[in-house]
Amino acid sequence: MPLIGDPPNNLAAVSLIRAAIADDPDSGVLIMSEHGGCLPGPEGKKAAQLMMSLAAVAARALLSAHGYNVERCLKTLDAWAAEYADDAAVW
């Protein structure tokens, strides 16, 4: 199912959700900083907080859909990331 965003941002979104599920805040911060979510000032902080909240909610939804099986969720996200990486490579 295609997403609304462009391929590089779709890949970043999947990666951010994966970081949330894997409890990897360092990767999450890196992804956000590379995609404008960690800009200086109050607007950057608001954007980062929104991105973190969206990732957390998406992670919970995906975990719920997979019976809270983290391994299955990560496999699903890895498959999505591979698909979006292919799309981003030709974009």
PDB file of N, CA and C in Angstrom:
ATOM      1  N   MET A   1       0.838  -1.167   0.000  1.00  0.00           N
ATOM      2  CA  MET A   1       0.000   0.000   0.000  1.00  0.00           C
ATOM      3  C   MET A   1       0.890   1.239   0.000  1.00  0.00           C
ATOM      4  N   PRO A   2       0.736   2.119  -0.976  1.00  0.00           N
ATOM      5  CA  PRO A   2       1.588   3.305  -1.033  1.00  0.00           C
ATOM      6  C   PRO A   2       1.239   4.290   0.078  1.00  0.00           C
ATOM      7  N   LEU A   3       2.240   4.988   0.519  1.00  0.00           N
ATOM      8  CA  LEU A   3       2.043   6.030   1.522  1.00  0.00           C
ATOM      9  C   LEU A   3       1.941   7.379   0.839  1.00  0.00           C
ATOM     10  N   ILE A   4       1.487   8.362   1.570  1.00  0.00           N
ATOM     11  CA  ILE A   4       1.323   9.703   1.014  1.00  0.00           C
ATOM     12  C   ILE A   4       2.662  10.397   0.831  1.00  0.00           C
ATOM     13  N   GLY A   5       3.604  10.154   1.726  1.00  0.00           N
ATOM     14  CA  GLY A   5       4.893  10.829   1.672  1.00  0.00           C
ATOM     15  C   GLY A   5       5.768  10.355   0.530  1.00  0.00           C
ATOM     16  N   ASP A   6       6.849  11.099   0.311  1.00  0.00           N
ATOM     17  CA  ASP A   6       7.799  10.669  -0.711  1.00  0.00           C
ATOM     18  C   ASP A   6       8.658   9.533  -0.151  1.00  0.00           C
ATOM     19  N   PRO A   7       9.277   8.744  -1.028  1.00  0.00           N
ATOM     20  CA  PRO A   7      10.010   7.554  -0.574  1.00  0.00           C
ATOM     21  C   PRO A   7      11.056   7.812   0.525  1.00  0.00           C
ATOM     22  N   PRO A   8      11.894   8.852   0.442  1.00  0.00           N
ATOM     23  CA  PRO A   8      12.857   9.051   1.528  1.00  0.00           C
ATOM     24  C   PRO A   8      12.182   9.304   2.879  1.00  0.00           C
ATOM     25  N   ASN A   9      11.092  10.056   2.887  1.00  0.00           N
ATOM     26  CA  ASN A   9      10.394  10.310   4.146  1.00  0.00           C
ATOM     27  C   ASN A   9       9.634   9.088   4.627  1.00  0.00           C
ATOM     28  N   ASN A  10       9.107   8.282   3.710  1.00  0.00           N
ATOM     29  CA  ASN A  10       8.465   7.022   4.114  1.00  0.00           C
ATOM     30  C   ASN A  10       9.480   6.114   4.812  1.00  0.00           C
ATOM     31  N   LEU A  11      10.668   6.042   4.252  1.00  0.00           N
ATOM     32  CA  LEU A  11      11.724   5.224   4.848  1.00  0.00           C
ATOM     33  C   LEU A  11      12.109   5.762   6.221  1.00  0.00           C
ATOM     34  N   ALA A  12      12.219   7.067   6.340  1.00  0.00           N
ATOM     35  CA  ALA A  12      12.548   7.674   7.636  1.00  0.00           C
ATOM     36  C   ALA A  12      11.452   7.387   8.658  1.00  0.00           C
ATOM     37  N   ALA A  13      10.188   7.444   8.241  1.00  0.00           N
ATOM     38  CA  ALA A  13       9.075   7.184   9.153  1.00  0.00           C
ATOM     39  C   ALA A  13       9.119   5.747   9.663  1.00  0.00           C
ATOM     40  N   VAL A  14       9.340   4.803   8.760  1.00  0.00           N
ATOM     41  CA  VAL A  14       9.435   3.396   9.164  1.00  0.00           C
ATOM     42  C   VAL A  14      10.613   3.206  10.118  1.00  0.00           C
ATOM     43  N   SER A  15      11.716   3.855   9.818  1.00  0.00           N
ATOM     44  CA  SER A  15      12.908   3.742  10.674  1.00  0.00           C
ATOM     45  C   SER A  15      12.655   4.332  12.056  1.00  0.00           C
ATOM     46  N   LEU A  16      11.913   5.426  12.120  1.00  0.00           N
ATOM     47  CA  LEU A  16      11.600   6.041  13.411  1.00  0.00           C
ATOM     48  C   LEU A  16      10.679   5.143  14.231  1.00  0.00           C
ATOM     49  N   ILE A  17       9.697   4.523  13.585  1.00  0.00           N
ATOM     50  CA  ILE A  17       8.817   3.589  14.291  1.00  0.00           C
ATOM     51  C   ILE A  17       9.605   2.376  14.770  1.00  0.00           C
ATOM     52  N   ARG A  18      10.527   1.904  13.937  1.00  0.00           N
ATOM     53  CA  ARG A  18      11.368   0.770  14.333  1.00  0.00           C
ATOM     54  C   ARG A  18      12.205   1.124  15.555  1.00  0.00           C
ATOM     55  N   ALA A  19      12.743   2.335  15.578  1.00  0.00           N
ATOM     56  CA  ALA A  19      13.533   2.783  16.734  1.00  0.00           C
ATOM     57  C   ALA A  19      12.661   2.816  17.989  1.00  0.00           C
ATOM     58  N   ALA A  20      11.401   3.222  17.845  1.00  0.00           N
ATOM     59  CA  ALA A  20      10.494   3.253  18.995  1.00  0.00           C
ATOM     60  C   ALA A  20      10.215   1.844  19.509  1.00  0.00           C
ATOM     61  N   ILE A  21       9.964   0.914  18.602  1.00  0.00           N
ATOM     62  CA  ILE A  21       9.686  -0.465  19.018  1.00  0.00           C
ATOM     63  C   ILE A  21      10.921  -1.118  19.628  1.00  0.00           C
ATOM     64  N   ALA A  22      12.083  -0.841  19.055  1.00  0.00           N
ATOM     65  CA  ALA A  22      13.329  -1.441  19.538  1.00  0.00           C
ATOM     66  C   ALA A  22      13.882  -0.719  20.760  1.00  0.00           C
ATOM     67  N   ASP A  23      13.181   0.322  21.224  1.00  0.00           N
ATOM     68  CA  ASP A  23      13.611   1.115  22.373  1.00  0.00           C
ATOM     69  C   ASP A  23      15.031   1.638  22.151  1.00  0.00           C
ATOM     70  N   ASP A  24      15.214   2.288  20.999  1.00  0.00           N
ATOM     71  CA  ASP A  24      16.512   2.803  20.581  1.00  0.00           C
ATOM     72  C   ASP A  24      16.419   4.320  20.371  1.00  0.00           C
ATOM     73  N   PRO A  25      16.432   5.092  21.466  1.00  0.00           N
ATOM     74  CA  PRO A  25      16.263   6.540  21.327  1.00  0.00           C
ATOM     75  C   PRO A  25      17.378   7.220  20.538  1.00  0.00           C
ATOM     76  N   ASP A  26      18.584   6.692  20.590  1.00  0.00           N
ATOM     77  CA  ASP A  26      19.684   7.316  19.841  1.00  0.00           C
ATOM     78  C   ASP A  26      19.406   7.296  18.342  1.00  0.00           C
ATOM     79  N   SER A  27      18.921   6.161  17.834  1.00  0.00           N
ATOM     80  CA  SER A  27      18.573   6.082  16.416  1.00  0.00           C
ATOM     81  C   SER A  27      17.420   7.018  16.100  1.00  0.00           C
ATOM     82  N   GLY A  28      16.453   7.089  17.000  1.00  0.00           N
ATOM     83  CA  GLY A  28      15.319   7.979  16.785  1.00  0.00           C
ATOM     84  C   GLY A  28      15.745   9.430  16.667  1.00  0.00           C
ATOM     85  N   VAL A  29      16.631   9.867  17.545  1.00  0.00           N
ATOM     86  CA  VAL A  29      17.118  11.245  17.501  1.00  0.00           C
ATOM     87  C   VAL A  29      17.903  11.487  16.217  1.00  0.00           C
ATOM     88  N   LEU A  30      18.713  10.537  15.807  1.00  0.00           N
ATOM     89  CA  LEU A  30      19.483  10.669  14.573  1.00  0.00           C
ATOM     90  C   LEU A  30      18.550  10.804  13.366  1.00  0.00           C
ATOM     91  N   ILE A  31      17.535   9.966  13.299  1.00  0.00           N
ATOM     92  CA  ILE A  31      16.584  10.013  12.183  1.00  0.00           C
ATOM     93  C   ILE A  31      15.880  11.366  12.157  1.00  0.00           C
ATOM     94  N   MET A  32      15.424  11.825  13.320  1.00  0.00           N
ATOM     95  CA  MET A  32      14.735  13.112  13.370  1.00  0.00           C
ATOM     96  C   MET A  32      15.659  14.254  12.977  1.00  0.00           C
ATOM     97  N   SER A  33      16.906  14.208  13.414  1.00  0.00           N
ATOM     98  CA  SER A  33      17.829  15.296  13.088  1.00  0.00           C
ATOM     99  C   SER A  33      18.127  15.344  11.593  1.00  0.00           C
ATOM    100  N   GLU A  34      18.126  14.196  10.943  1.00  0.00           N
ATOM    101  CA  GLU A  34      18.374  14.143   9.508  1.00  0.00           C
ATOM    102  C   GLU A  34      17.161  14.577   8.684  1.00  0.00           C
ATOM    103  N   HIS A  35      15.987  14.656   9.340  1.00  0.00           N
ATOM    104  CA  HIS A  35      14.764  14.983   8.613  1.00  0.00           C
ATOM    105  C   HIS A  35      14.057  16.208   9.186  1.00  0.00           C
ATOM    106  N   GLY A  36      14.822  17.110   9.780  1.00  0.00           N
ATOM    107  CA  GLY A  36      14.278  18.389  10.197  1.00  0.00           C
ATOM    108  C   GLY A  36      13.507  18.402  11.492  1.00  0.00           C
ATOM    109  N   GLY A  37      13.532  17.331  12.245  1.00  0.00           N
ATOM    110  CA  GLY A  37      12.775  17.293  13.492  1.00  0.00           C
ATOM    111  C   GLY A  37      13.541  17.768  14.699  1.00  0.00           C
ATOM    112  N   CYS A  38      14.790  18.116  14.537  1.00  0.00           N
ATOM    113  CA  CYS A  38      15.584  18.572  15.678  1.00  0.00           C
ATOM    114  C   CYS A  38      16.192  19.937  15.380  1.00  0.00           C
ATOM    115  N   LEU A  39      15.395  20.809  14.807  1.00  0.00           N
ATOM    116  CA  LEU A  39      15.870  22.150  14.508  1.00  0.00           C
ATOM    117  C   LEU A  39      15.973  22.949  15.799  1.00  0.00           C
ATOM    118  N   PRO A  40      16.847  23.940  15.833  1.00  0.00           N
ATOM    119  CA  PRO A  40      16.960  24.747  17.051  1.00  0.00           C
ATOM    120  C   PRO A  40      15.696  25.568  17.295  1.00  0.00           C
ATOM    121  N   GLY A  41      15.462  25.899  18.540  1.00  0.00           N
ATOM    122  CA  GLY A  41      14.347  26.768  18.888  1.00  0.00           C
ATOM    123  C   GLY A  41      13.078  26.011  19.205  1.00  0.00           C
ATOM    124  N   PRO A  42      12.055  26.759  19.608  1.00  0.00           N
ATOM    125  CA  PRO A  42      10.807  26.120  20.037  1.00  0.00           C
ATOM    126  C   PRO A  42      10.076  25.368  18.925  1.00  0.00           C
ATOM    127  N   GLU A  43      10.153  25.845  17.694  1.00  0.00           N
ATOM    128  CA  GLU A  43       9.467  25.147  16.601  1.00  0.00           C
ATOM    129  C   GLU A  43      10.106  23.792  16.329  1.00  0.00           C
ATOM    130  N   GLY A  44      11.435  23.724  16.398  1.00  0.00           N
ATOM    131  CA  GLY A  44      12.124  22.448  16.225  1.00  0.00           C
ATOM    132  C   GLY A  44      11.775  21.471  17.325  1.00  0.00           C
ATOM    133  N   LYS A  45      11.671  21.991  18.551  1.00  0.00           N
ATOM    134  CA  LYS A  45      11.317  21.134  19.685  1.00  0.00           C
ATOM    135  C   LYS A  45       9.895  20.601  19.517  1.00  0.00           C
ATOM    136  N   LYS A  46       8.978  21.445  19.062  1.00  0.00           N
ATOM    137  CA  LYS A  46       7.599  20.998  18.825  1.00  0.00           C
ATOM    138  C   LYS A  46       7.550  19.929  17.743  1.00  0.00           C
ATOM    139  N   ALA A  47       8.309  20.132  16.679  1.00  0.00           N
ATOM    140  CA  ALA A  47       8.336  19.150  15.591  1.00  0.00           C
ATOM    141  C   ALA A  47       8.902  17.822  16.078  1.00  0.00           C
ATOM    142  N   ALA A  48       9.957  17.871  16.861  1.00  0.00           N
ATOM    143  CA  ALA A  48      10.556  16.647  17.390  1.00  0.00           C
ATOM    144  C   ALA A  48       9.582  15.917  18.307  1.00  0.00           C
ATOM    145  N   GLN A  49       8.889  16.661  19.149  1.00  0.00           N
ATOM    146  CA  GLN A  49       7.922  16.036  20.051  1.00  0.00           C
ATOM    147  C   GLN A  49       6.780  15.391  19.278  1.00  0.00           C
ATOM    148  N   LEU A  50       6.320  16.059  18.217  1.00  0.00           N
ATOM    149  CA  LEU A  50       5.265  15.481  17.397  1.00  0.00           C
ATOM    150  C   LEU A  50       5.750  14.204  16.710  1.00  0.00           C
ATOM    151  N   MET A  51       6.955  14.245  16.152  1.00  0.00           N
ATOM    152  CA  MET A  51       7.498  13.058  15.481  1.00  0.00           C
ATOM    153  C   MET A  51       7.631  11.901  16.462  1.00  0.00           C
ATOM    154  N   MET A  52       8.103  12.189  17.674  1.00  0.00           N
ATOM    155  CA  MET A  52       8.266  11.137  18.681  1.00  0.00           C
ATOM    156  C   MET A  52       6.899  10.573  19.081  1.00  0.00           C
ATOM    157  N   SER A  53       5.910  11.446  19.240  1.00  0.00           N
ATOM    158  CA  SER A  53       4.565  10.983  19.601  1.00  0.00           C
ATOM    159  C   SER A  53       3.959  10.137  18.502  1.00  0.00           C
ATOM    160  N   LEU A  54       4.099  10.569  17.258  1.00  0.00           N
ATOM    161  CA  LEU A  54       3.573   9.787  16.140  1.00  0.00           C
ATOM    162  C   LEU A  54       4.236   8.418  16.063  1.00  0.00           C
ATOM    163  N   ALA A  55       5.539   8.385  16.242  1.00  0.00           N
ATOM    164  CA  ALA A  55       6.253   7.108  16.203  1.00  0.00           C
ATOM    165  C   ALA A  55       5.795   6.198  17.335  1.00  0.00           C
ATOM    166  N   ALA A  56       5.612   6.753  18.532  1.00  0.00           N
ATOM    167  CA  ALA A  56       5.185   5.946  19.672  1.00  0.00           C
ATOM    168  C   ALA A  56       3.788   5.373  19.461  1.00  0.00           C
ATOM    169  N   VAL A  57       2.871   6.191  18.938  1.00  0.00           N
ATOM    170  CA  VAL A  57       1.510   5.720  18.686  1.00  0.00           C
ATOM    171  C   VAL A  57       1.511   4.653  17.592  1.00  0.00           C
ATOM    172  N   ALA A  58       2.271   4.892  16.531  1.00  0.00           N
ATOM    173  CA  ALA A  58       2.357   3.904  15.455  1.00  0.00           C
ATOM    174  C   ALA A  58       2.978   2.605  15.964  1.00  0.00           C
ATOM    175  N   ALA A  59       3.982   2.716  16.811  1.00  0.00           N
ATOM    176  CA  ALA A  59       4.617   1.520  17.374  1.00  0.00           C
ATOM    177  C   ALA A  59       3.621   0.726  18.203  1.00  0.00           C
ATOM    178  N   ARG A  60       2.843   1.416  19.021  1.00  0.00           N
ATOM    179  CA  ARG A  60       1.831   0.727  19.833  1.00  0.00           C
ATOM    180  C   ARG A  60       0.785   0.038  18.958  1.00  0.00           C
ATOM    181  N   ALA A  61       0.365   0.724  17.906  1.00  0.00           N
ATOM    182  CA  ALA A  61      -0.632   0.136  17.006  1.00  0.00           C
ATOM    183  C   ALA A  61      -0.074  -1.112  16.328  1.00  0.00           C
ATOM    184  N   LEU A  62       1.163  -1.025  15.865  1.00  0.00           N
ATOM    185  CA  LEU A  62       1.767  -2.176  15.198  1.00  0.00           C
ATOM    186  C   LEU A  62       1.980  -3.324  16.175  1.00  0.00           C
ATOM    187  N   LEU A  63       2.440  -3.014  17.378  1.00  0.00           N
ATOM    188  CA  LEU A  63       2.606  -4.051  18.392  1.00  0.00           C
ATOM    189  C   LEU A  63       1.267  -4.723  18.694  1.00  0.00           C
ATOM    190  N   SER A  64       0.233  -3.934  18.838  1.00  0.00           N
ATOM    191  CA  SER A  64      -1.102  -4.478  19.108  1.00  0.00           C
ATOM    192  C   SER A  64      -1.559  -5.386  17.972  1.00  0.00           C
ATOM    193  N   ALA A  65      -1.330  -4.954  16.749  1.00  0.00           N
ATOM    194  CA  ALA A  65      -1.748  -5.743  15.593  1.00  0.00           C
ATOM    195  C   ALA A  65      -1.002  -7.067  15.493  1.00  0.00           C
ATOM    196  N   HIS A  66       0.202  -7.121  16.046  1.00  0.00           N
ATOM    197  CA  HIS A  66       1.019  -8.339  15.988  1.00  0.00           C
ATOM    198  C   HIS A  66       1.061  -9.065  17.325  1.00  0.00           C
ATOM    199  N   GLY A  67       0.061  -8.841  18.169  1.00  0.00           N
ATOM    200  CA  GLY A  67      -0.016  -9.560  19.435  1.00  0.00           C
ATOM    201  C   GLY A  67       1.143  -9.256  20.366  1.00  0.00           C
ATOM    202  N   TYR A  68       1.675  -8.055  20.293  1.00  0.00           N
ATOM    203  CA  TYR A  68       2.797  -7.602  21.133  1.00  0.00           C
ATOM    204  C   TYR A  68       4.047  -8.461  20.955  1.00  0.00           C
ATOM    205  N   ASN A  69       4.198  -9.026  19.772  1.00  0.00           N
ATOM    206  CA  ASN A  69       5.375  -9.811  19.425  1.00  0.00           C
ATOM    207  C   ASN A  69       6.366  -8.872  18.746  1.00  0.00           C
ATOM    208  N   VAL A  70       7.371  -8.444  19.504  1.00  0.00           N
ATOM    209  CA  VAL A  70       8.335  -7.458  19.013  1.00  0.00           C
ATOM    210  C   VAL A  70       9.075  -7.979  17.787  1.00  0.00           C
ATOM    211  N   GLU A  71       9.470  -9.233  17.803  1.00  0.00           N
ATOM    212  CA  GLU A  71      10.214  -9.803  16.676  1.00  0.00           C
ATOM    213  C   GLU A  71       9.405  -9.732  15.381  1.00  0.00           C
ATOM    214  N   ARG A  72       8.120 -10.081  15.451  1.00  0.00           N
ATOM    215  CA  ARG A  72       7.259  -9.999  14.256  1.00  0.00           C
ATOM    216  C   ARG A  72       7.123  -8.560  13.774  1.00  0.00           C
ATOM    217  N   CYS A  73       6.989  -7.634  14.714  1.00  0.00           N
ATOM    218  CA  CYS A  73       6.883  -6.214  14.340  1.00  0.00           C
ATOM    219  C   CYS A  73       8.144  -5.740  13.638  1.00  0.00           C
ATOM    220  N   LEU A  74       9.294  -6.109  14.177  1.00  0.00           N
ATOM    221  CA  LEU A  74      10.551  -5.677  13.574  1.00  0.00           C
ATOM    222  C   LEU A  74      10.735  -6.291  12.188  1.00  0.00           C
ATOM    223  N   LYS A  75      10.329  -7.540  12.015  1.00  0.00           N
ATOM    224  CA  LYS A  75      10.406  -8.163  10.684  1.00  0.00           C
ATOM    225  C   LYS A  75       9.515  -7.430   9.689  1.00  0.00           C
ATOM    226  N   THR A  76       8.323  -7.056  10.134  1.00  0.00           N
ATOM    227  CA  THR A  76       7.410  -6.308   9.263  1.00  0.00           C
ATOM    228  C   THR A  76       8.022  -4.964   8.883  1.00  0.00           C
ATOM    229  N   LEU A  77       8.546  -4.252   9.868  1.00  0.00           N
ATOM    230  CA  LEU A  77       9.161  -2.946   9.602  1.00  0.00           C
ATOM    231  C   LEU A  77      10.385  -3.077   8.710  1.00  0.00           C
ATOM    232  N   ASP A  78      11.163  -4.128   8.896  1.00  0.00           N
ATOM    233  CA  ASP A  78      12.325  -4.345   8.028  1.00  0.00           C
ATOM    234  C   ASP A  78      11.896  -4.590   6.584  1.00  0.00           C
ATOM    235  N   ALA A  79      10.806  -5.334   6.399  1.00  0.00           N
ATOM    236  CA  ALA A  79      10.293  -5.566   5.044  1.00  0.00           C
ATOM    237  C   ALA A  79       9.806  -4.260   4.425  1.00  0.00           C
ATOM    238  N   TRP A  80       9.096  -3.454   5.204  1.00  0.00           N
ATOM    239  CA  TRP A  80       8.645  -2.155   4.700  1.00  0.00           C
ATOM    240  C   TRP A  80       9.830  -1.270   4.370  1.00  0.00           C
ATOM    241  N   ALA A  81      10.832  -1.266   5.253  1.00  0.00           N
ATOM    242  CA  ALA A  81      12.010  -0.424   5.024  1.00  0.00           C
ATOM    243  C   ALA A  81      12.721  -0.826   3.736  1.00  0.00           C
ATOM    244  N   ALA A  82      12.819  -2.121   3.475  1.00  0.00           N
ATOM    245  CA  ALA A  82      13.463  -2.582   2.238  1.00  0.00           C
ATOM    246  C   ALA A  82      12.679  -2.101   1.018  1.00  0.00           C
ATOM    247  N   GLU A  83      11.362  -2.178   1.092  1.00  0.00           N
ATOM    248  CA  GLU A  83      10.524  -1.713  -0.015  1.00  0.00           C
ATOM    249  C   GLU A  83      10.695  -0.205  -0.225  1.00  0.00           C
ATOM    250  N   TYR A  84      10.653   0.562   0.853  1.00  0.00           N
ATOM    251  CA  TYR A  84      10.764   2.016   0.738  1.00  0.00           C
ATOM    252  C   TYR A  84      12.178   2.435   0.348  1.00  0.00           C
ATOM    253  N   ALA A  85      13.182   1.655   0.734  1.00  0.00           N
ATOM    254  CA  ALA A  85      14.559   1.949   0.316  1.00  0.00           C
ATOM    255  C   ALA A  85      14.693   1.764  -1.182  1.00  0.00           C
ATOM    256  N   ASP A  86      14.081   0.720  -1.720  1.00  0.00           N
ATOM    257  CA  ASP A  86      14.085   0.501  -3.173  1.00  0.00           C
ATOM    258  C   ASP A  86      13.416   1.680  -3.885  1.00  0.00           C
ATOM    259  N   ASP A  87      12.270   2.110  -3.354  1.00  0.00           N
ATOM    260  CA  ASP A  87      11.552   3.245  -3.928  1.00  0.00           C
ATOM    261  C   ASP A  87      12.411   4.523  -3.859  1.00  0.00           C
ATOM    262  N   ALA A  88      13.069   4.717  -2.732  1.00  0.00           N
ATOM    263  CA  ALA A  88      13.888   5.920  -2.552  1.00  0.00           C
ATOM    264  C   ALA A  88      15.089   5.914  -3.494  1.00  0.00           C
ATOM    265  N   ALA A  89      15.609   4.731  -3.783  1.00  0.00           N
ATOM    266  CA  ALA A  89      16.782   4.620  -4.659  1.00  0.00           C
ATOM    267  C   ALA A  89      16.468   5.067  -6.089  1.00  0.00           C
ATOM    268  N   VAL A  90      15.236   4.885  -6.523  1.00  0.00           N
ATOM    269  CA  VAL A  90      14.876   5.265  -7.892  1.00  0.00           C
ATOM    270  C   VAL A  90      14.130   6.594  -7.944  1.00  0.00           C
ATOM    271  N   TRP A  91      13.891   7.179  -6.784  1.00  0.00           N
ATOM    272  CA  TRP A  91      13.116   8.426  -6.723  1.00  0.00           C
ATOM    273  C   TRP A  91      13.884   9.593  -7.160  1.00  0.00           C
TER     274      TRP A  91
END
